[in-house]
Amino acid sequence: MLKAFPDIHSYDPLTFFTTILARQRLFLAKQYKYTHHFGSNKEPDYVLRVEDLDVSEIAERFGISNPFPWENSGKNSEPVELGEDLYWYLVNHFKADYFFFGYRPKPYDEFMDTQKLAA
């Protein structure tokens, strides 16, 4: 990334996303792409959602008794302050995900309140 964007460390969050996504389309992939194999018509067996992550059916099917490890959890408990422009930029970027998964984006202030509660 530093070769392609040598001044990346000076980017504010909005500049980071708009600059990177303009040239690196796969950097922040739409999530619906992970639910399809584009060379096949086969539907996925499972789609897991973080907000109601129940893996009991999969664990039972495959004989897994230990819980799945949390490999990608961060240690930072502080909410990231997204500016409203960046929030709506990201909502627009993921609009296909909202459509395919049946979500609706929250108003900006409600989203930020939710982030503060989660931290």
Protein backbone atom coordinates (compact mmCIF):
# COMPACT_ATOMS: atom_id res chain seq x y z
CA MET A 1 0.00 0.00 0.00
CA LEU A 2 2.84 2.39 0.77
CA LYS A 3 4.25 1.95 -2.74
CA ALA A 4 0.92 2.86 -4.32
CA PHE A 5 0.04 5.52 -1.73
CA PRO A 6 3.27 6.90 -0.21
CA ASP A 7 1.43 9.64 1.72
CA ILE A 8 -1.21 7.27 3.13
CA HIS A 9 -0.27 8.09 6.73
CA SER A 10 -1.37 11.67 6.24
CA TYR A 11 -4.88 10.75 5.03
CA ASP A 12 -7.88 11.53 7.18
CA PRO A 13 -10.46 8.70 7.16
CA LEU A 14 -12.62 10.12 4.36
CA THR A 15 -9.58 10.77 2.13
CA PHE A 16 -8.30 7.28 2.91
CA PHE A 17 -11.46 5.54 1.74
CA THR A 18 -12.17 7.72 -1.26
CA THR A 19 -8.56 7.54 -2.48
CA ILE A 20 -8.02 3.83 -1.89
CA LEU A 21 -11.38 2.74 -3.29
CA ALA A 22 -10.92 4.82 -6.42
CA ARG A 23 -7.89 2.70 -7.33
CA GLN A 24 -8.23 -0.52 -5.30
CA ARG A 25 -11.83 -1.69 -5.83
CA LEU A 26 -11.37 -4.93 -3.87
CA PHE A 27 -9.95 -3.21 -0.80
CA LEU A 28 -13.37 -2.96 0.85
CA ALA A 29 -15.36 -5.69 -0.87
CA LYS A 30 -19.13 -5.80 -0.71
CA GLN A 31 -20.12 -8.56 1.69
CA TYR A 32 -22.78 -10.12 -0.56
CA LYS A 33 -19.95 -11.34 -2.78
CA TYR A 34 -18.98 -13.78 -0.04
CA THR A 35 -22.41 -15.44 -0.19
CA HIS A 36 -22.20 -16.47 -3.84
CA HIS A 37 -19.89 -18.53 -5.95
CA PHE A 38 -20.07 -16.66 -9.21
CA GLY A 39 -19.18 -19.74 -11.23
CA SER A 40 -22.14 -21.68 -9.83
CA ASN A 41 -25.85 -21.36 -9.13
CA LYS A 42 -25.57 -23.24 -5.82
CA GLU A 43 -26.93 -21.37 -2.82
CA PRO A 44 -24.77 -21.16 0.32
CA ASP A 45 -25.57 -23.61 3.10
CA TYR A 46 -25.15 -20.98 5.81
CA VAL A 47 -24.89 -17.21 6.07
CA LEU A 48 -23.70 -16.05 9.47
CA ARG A 49 -24.51 -12.58 10.75
CA VAL A 50 -22.30 -11.04 13.39
CA GLU A 51 -25.23 -9.50 15.24
CA ASP A 52 -26.81 -12.91 15.91
CA LEU A 53 -23.85 -15.22 15.53
CA ASP A 54 -25.31 -18.63 16.34
CA VAL A 55 -22.96 -21.34 15.13
CA SER A 56 -24.60 -24.21 17.02
CA GLU A 57 -26.19 -25.76 13.91
CA ILE A 58 -22.90 -25.73 12.00
CA ALA A 59 -20.94 -26.97 15.01
CA GLU A 60 -23.38 -29.84 15.51
CA ARG A 61 -23.32 -30.76 11.81
CA PHE A 62 -19.53 -30.98 11.75
CA GLY A 63 -19.01 -32.34 15.26
CA ILE A 64 -17.28 -29.26 16.64
CA SER A 65 -17.51 -29.08 20.42
CA ASN A 66 -15.22 -26.14 21.16
CA PRO A 67 -16.43 -22.65 20.30
CA PHE A 68 -14.93 -20.97 17.26
CA PRO A 69 -11.98 -18.73 18.13
CA TRP A 70 -12.31 -14.97 17.77
CA GLU A 71 -9.37 -14.45 15.42
CA ASN A 72 -10.12 -10.94 14.28
CA SER A 73 -11.12 -9.05 17.40
CA GLY A 74 -9.39 -5.79 18.14
CA LYS A 75 -8.12 -4.59 21.47
CA ASN A 76 -9.30 -1.01 20.98
CA SER A 77 -12.53 -0.41 22.88
CA GLU A 78 -12.80 3.23 21.87
CA PRO A 79 -15.40 3.99 19.18
CA VAL A 80 -14.04 5.38 15.95
CA GLU A 81 -15.41 8.84 15.32
CA LEU A 82 -16.69 8.73 11.78
CA GLY A 83 -17.58 12.03 10.26
CA GLU A 84 -21.05 12.13 8.78
CA ASP A 85 -19.64 12.45 5.23
CA LEU A 86 -17.59 9.28 5.67
CA TYR A 87 -20.55 7.43 7.21
CA TRP A 88 -22.78 8.18 4.22
CA TYR A 89 -19.94 7.38 1.83
CA LEU A 90 -19.66 3.92 3.42
CA VAL A 91 -23.44 3.44 3.42
CA ASN A 92 -23.47 4.22 -0.28
CA HIS A 93 -20.50 1.92 -0.90
CA PHE A 94 -22.33 -0.99 0.76
CA LYS A 95 -25.80 -0.25 -0.67
CA ALA A 96 -25.89 -3.65 -2.43
CA ASP A 97 -25.31 -5.34 0.94
CA TYR A 98 -28.18 -3.41 2.49
CA PHE A 99 -30.38 -4.61 -0.37
CA PHE A 100 -29.33 -8.27 -0.41
CA PHE A 101 -29.28 -8.74 3.38
CA GLY A 102 -32.40 -6.72 4.11
CA TYR A 103 -30.74 -4.09 6.29
CA ARG A 104 -31.51 -0.40 6.41
CA PRO A 105 -28.80 2.08 7.33
CA LYS A 106 -29.37 3.89 10.60
CA PRO A 107 -29.42 7.66 10.74
CA TYR A 108 -25.90 8.91 11.43
CA ASP A 109 -26.54 10.04 15.04
CA GLU A 110 -28.21 6.72 15.92
CA PHE A 111 -25.32 4.80 14.40
CA MET A 112 -22.76 6.77 16.42
CA ASP A 113 -24.77 6.24 19.63
CA THR A 114 -24.80 2.49 18.92
CA GLN A 115 -21.02 2.51 18.44
CA LYS A 116 -20.50 4.24 21.78
CA LEU A 117 -22.66 1.64 23.54
CA ALA A 118 -20.78 -1.22 21.87
CA ALA A 119 -17.38 0.06 22.99
